[in-house]
Amino acid sequence: MGNEHQDEIKLLMHSFEKFARLDWHKHTMFGLKPSEIKVLLTIKQLLSAKENNGVTVSEISNRLAVTSPTVTQIIKRLQDTGCIEKTVDSQDRRIASIRLTEKGLLITKRVGEQFAALFTGLIAKLGQDRSNHLIDLLNQVYDYLDKVNKELLD
């Protein structure tokens, strides 16, 4: 590769660095860490797609692509804060059914409202056409980085 794209490289790197400096992954919402919010939202999403009243740690870990021990730690914290309730299967104590409590449901509702307001504001700022273009570009960036990452792992 030559130096013909040096200016664009610097600008892209600077743009990505600005996002990293936002430190969104460190902000708490309703006294919960982002990872805890993500698990709550995942539980809500999984429950809405199921007939029964609970989800398992393995379902959550599969959906989030993280290990079960990681989810188990987060579940413990969410249980301690009263956001979820966990019921252990009487036949197999290794299996637990996890549900949102009223508090957990309220938090997921409020988080959903905050995300909707955030993205509604972004769409209002950019306009519909530019928002759709941004969505397309971000999907292309993701696809490219995902492909490069997989090639590095091979």
Protein backbone atom coordinates (compact mmCIF):
# COMPACT_ATOMS: atom_id res chain seq x y z
CA MET A 1 0.00 0.00 0.00
CA GLY A 2 1.25 3.43 -0.92
CA ASN A 3 0.76 6.73 0.81
CA GLU A 4 -2.16 7.81 -1.36
CA HIS A 5 -4.68 7.35 1.50
CA GLN A 6 -2.67 8.75 4.42
CA ASP A 7 -5.04 11.69 5.01
CA GLU A 8 -8.11 9.44 4.98
CA ILE A 9 -6.39 6.92 7.26
CA LYS A 10 -5.65 9.65 9.81
CA LEU A 11 -9.22 10.97 9.64
CA LEU A 12 -10.74 7.49 10.03
CA MET A 13 -8.46 6.67 12.95
CA HIS A 14 -9.33 9.98 14.60
CA SER A 15 -13.06 9.32 14.15
CA PHE A 16 -12.82 5.84 15.67
CA GLU A 17 -10.72 7.23 18.55
CA LYS A 18 -13.43 9.80 19.31
CA PHE A 19 -15.98 7.01 19.72
CA ALA A 20 -13.60 5.11 21.99
CA ARG A 21 -13.15 8.21 24.16
CA LEU A 22 -16.90 8.41 24.76
CA ASP A 23 -16.45 5.45 27.16
CA TRP A 24 -20.09 4.40 26.79
CA HIS A 25 -19.16 0.99 28.16
CA LYS A 26 -18.29 2.64 31.51
CA HIS A 27 -21.53 4.59 32.05
CA THR A 28 -24.17 3.29 34.41
CA MET A 29 -27.92 3.55 33.89
CA PHE A 30 -30.32 3.20 36.79
CA GLY A 31 -27.39 2.10 38.95
CA LEU A 32 -26.56 -0.78 36.59
CA LYS A 33 -23.48 -1.41 34.47
CA PRO A 34 -23.87 -1.59 30.68
CA SER A 35 -23.25 -5.35 30.79
CA GLU A 36 -26.10 -5.74 33.28
CA ILE A 37 -28.42 -3.61 31.14
CA LYS A 38 -27.47 -5.71 28.11
CA VAL A 39 -28.36 -8.92 29.97
CA LEU A 40 -31.69 -7.45 31.13
CA LEU A 41 -32.56 -6.43 27.57
CA THR A 42 -31.52 -9.88 26.31
CA ILE A 43 -33.73 -11.58 28.88
CA LYS A 44 -36.65 -9.39 27.83
CA GLN A 45 -36.00 -10.16 24.15
CA LEU A 46 -35.72 -13.90 24.77
CA LEU A 47 -38.86 -13.94 26.91
CA SER A 48 -40.87 -12.13 24.25
CA ALA A 49 -39.96 -14.87 21.75
CA LYS A 50 -40.92 -17.75 24.08
CA GLU A 51 -44.12 -19.28 25.34
CA ASN A 52 -42.83 -20.04 28.83
CA ASN A 53 -41.94 -17.66 31.62
CA GLY A 54 -38.19 -18.08 31.95
CA VAL A 55 -34.87 -18.25 30.17
CA THR A 56 -31.68 -20.08 31.04
CA VAL A 57 -28.12 -18.87 31.49
CA SER A 58 -27.07 -20.82 28.40
CA GLU A 59 -29.73 -19.12 26.27
CA ILE A 60 -28.50 -15.72 27.43
CA SER A 61 -24.83 -16.60 26.93
CA ASN A 62 -25.53 -17.99 23.45
CA ARG A 63 -27.43 -14.85 22.42
CA LEU A 64 -24.69 -12.55 23.73
CA ALA A 65 -21.81 -14.79 22.59
CA VAL A 66 -20.18 -14.78 26.04
CA THR A 67 -19.38 -17.58 28.44
CA SER A 68 -21.94 -18.97 30.88
CA PRO A 69 -19.75 -18.08 33.91
CA THR A 70 -19.74 -14.45 32.75
CA VAL A 71 -23.54 -14.44 32.50
CA THR A 72 -23.83 -16.23 35.86
CA GLN A 73 -21.88 -13.42 37.58
CA ILE A 74 -24.09 -10.76 35.99
CA ILE A 75 -27.24 -12.73 36.87
CA LYS A 76 -26.10 -12.84 40.52
CA ARG A 77 -25.70 -9.04 40.58
CA LEU A 78 -29.07 -8.53 38.88
CA GLN A 79 -30.68 -10.87 41.38
CA ASP A 80 -29.07 -8.96 44.27
CA THR A 81 -30.46 -5.67 42.90
CA GLY A 82 -33.96 -7.13 42.53
CA CYS A 83 -34.09 -6.88 38.73
CA ILE A 84 -34.52 -10.60 38.10
CA GLU A 85 -35.71 -13.68 39.90
CA LYS A 86 -34.15 -17.07 39.44
CA THR A 87 -35.97 -20.34 40.06
CA VAL A 88 -33.95 -23.54 40.27
CA ASP A 89 -35.45 -26.62 38.60
CA SER A 90 -36.53 -29.13 41.25
CA GLN A 91 -35.52 -32.08 39.04
CA ASP A 92 -32.13 -30.74 37.90
CA ARG A 93 -30.53 -28.14 40.18
CA ARG A 94 -28.10 -27.17 37.40
CA ILE A 95 -30.99 -25.62 35.45
CA ALA A 96 -32.39 -22.28 36.53
CA SER A 97 -35.25 -20.32 35.02
CA ILE A 98 -34.66 -16.56 34.96
CA ARG A 99 -37.40 -13.93 34.76
CA LEU A 100 -37.55 -10.16 35.02
CA THR A 101 -39.12 -8.69 38.13
CA GLU A 102 -41.33 -5.60 38.03
CA LYS A 103 -38.18 -3.55 38.65
CA GLY A 104 -36.38 -5.30 35.79
CA LEU A 105 -39.34 -4.74 33.46
CA LEU A 106 -39.47 -1.05 34.41
CA ILE A 107 -35.73 -0.61 33.79
CA THR A 108 -35.88 -2.32 30.39
CA LYS A 109 -38.85 -0.12 29.45
CA ARG A 110 -36.99 3.05 30.46
CA VAL A 111 -33.77 1.99 28.75
CA GLY A 112 -35.73 1.23 25.59
CA GLU A 113 -37.30 4.69 25.78
CA GLN A 114 -33.89 6.32 26.26
CA PHE A 115 -32.39 4.44 23.29
CA ALA A 116 -35.40 5.35 21.15
CA ALA A 117 -35.04 9.02 22.12
CA LEU A 118 -31.31 8.94 21.40
CA PHE A 119 -31.71 7.49 17.92
CA THR A 120 -34.78 9.60 17.16
CA GLY A 121 -32.65 12.64 17.94
CA LEU A 122 -29.87 11.37 15.71
CA ILE A 123 -32.30 10.80 12.84
CA ALA A 124 -33.73 14.28 13.36
CA LYS A 125 -30.21 15.77 13.27
CA LEU A 126 -29.07 13.85 10.18
CA GLY A 127 -32.35 13.61 8.31
CA GLN A 128 -33.89 10.44 6.88
CA ASP A 129 -31.64 10.10 3.80
CA ARG A 130 -28.38 10.63 5.67
CA SER A 131 -29.55 8.32 8.46
CA ASN A 132 -30.23 5.55 5.94
CA HIS A 133 -26.86 6.21 4.33
CA LEU A 134 -25.18 6.02 7.77
CA ILE A 135 -26.90 2.70 8.45
CA ASP A 136 -25.63 1.36 5.14
CA LEU A 137 -22.09 2.61 5.78
CA LEU A 138 -21.99 1.21 9.32
CA ASN A 139 -23.16 -2.17 8.04
CA GLN A 140 -20.43 -2.11 5.39
CA VAL A 141 -17.82 -1.17 8.02
CA TYR A 142 -19.01 -4.00 10.26
CA ASP A 143 -18.95 -6.54 7.43
CA TYR A 144 -15.44 -5.47 6.41
CA LEU A 145 -14.04 -5.54 9.97
CA ASP A 146 -15.74 -8.85 10.69
CA LYS A 147 -14.20 -10.37 7.56
CA VAL A 148 -10.73 -9.01 8.42
CA ASN A 149 -11.05 -10.27 12.00
CA LYS A 150 -12.00 -13.76 10.82
CA GLU A 151 -9.08 -13.81 8.39
CA LEU A 152 -6.70 -12.85 11.21
CA LEU A 153 -8.00 -15.73 13.31
CA ASP A 154 -7.48 -18.30 10.53
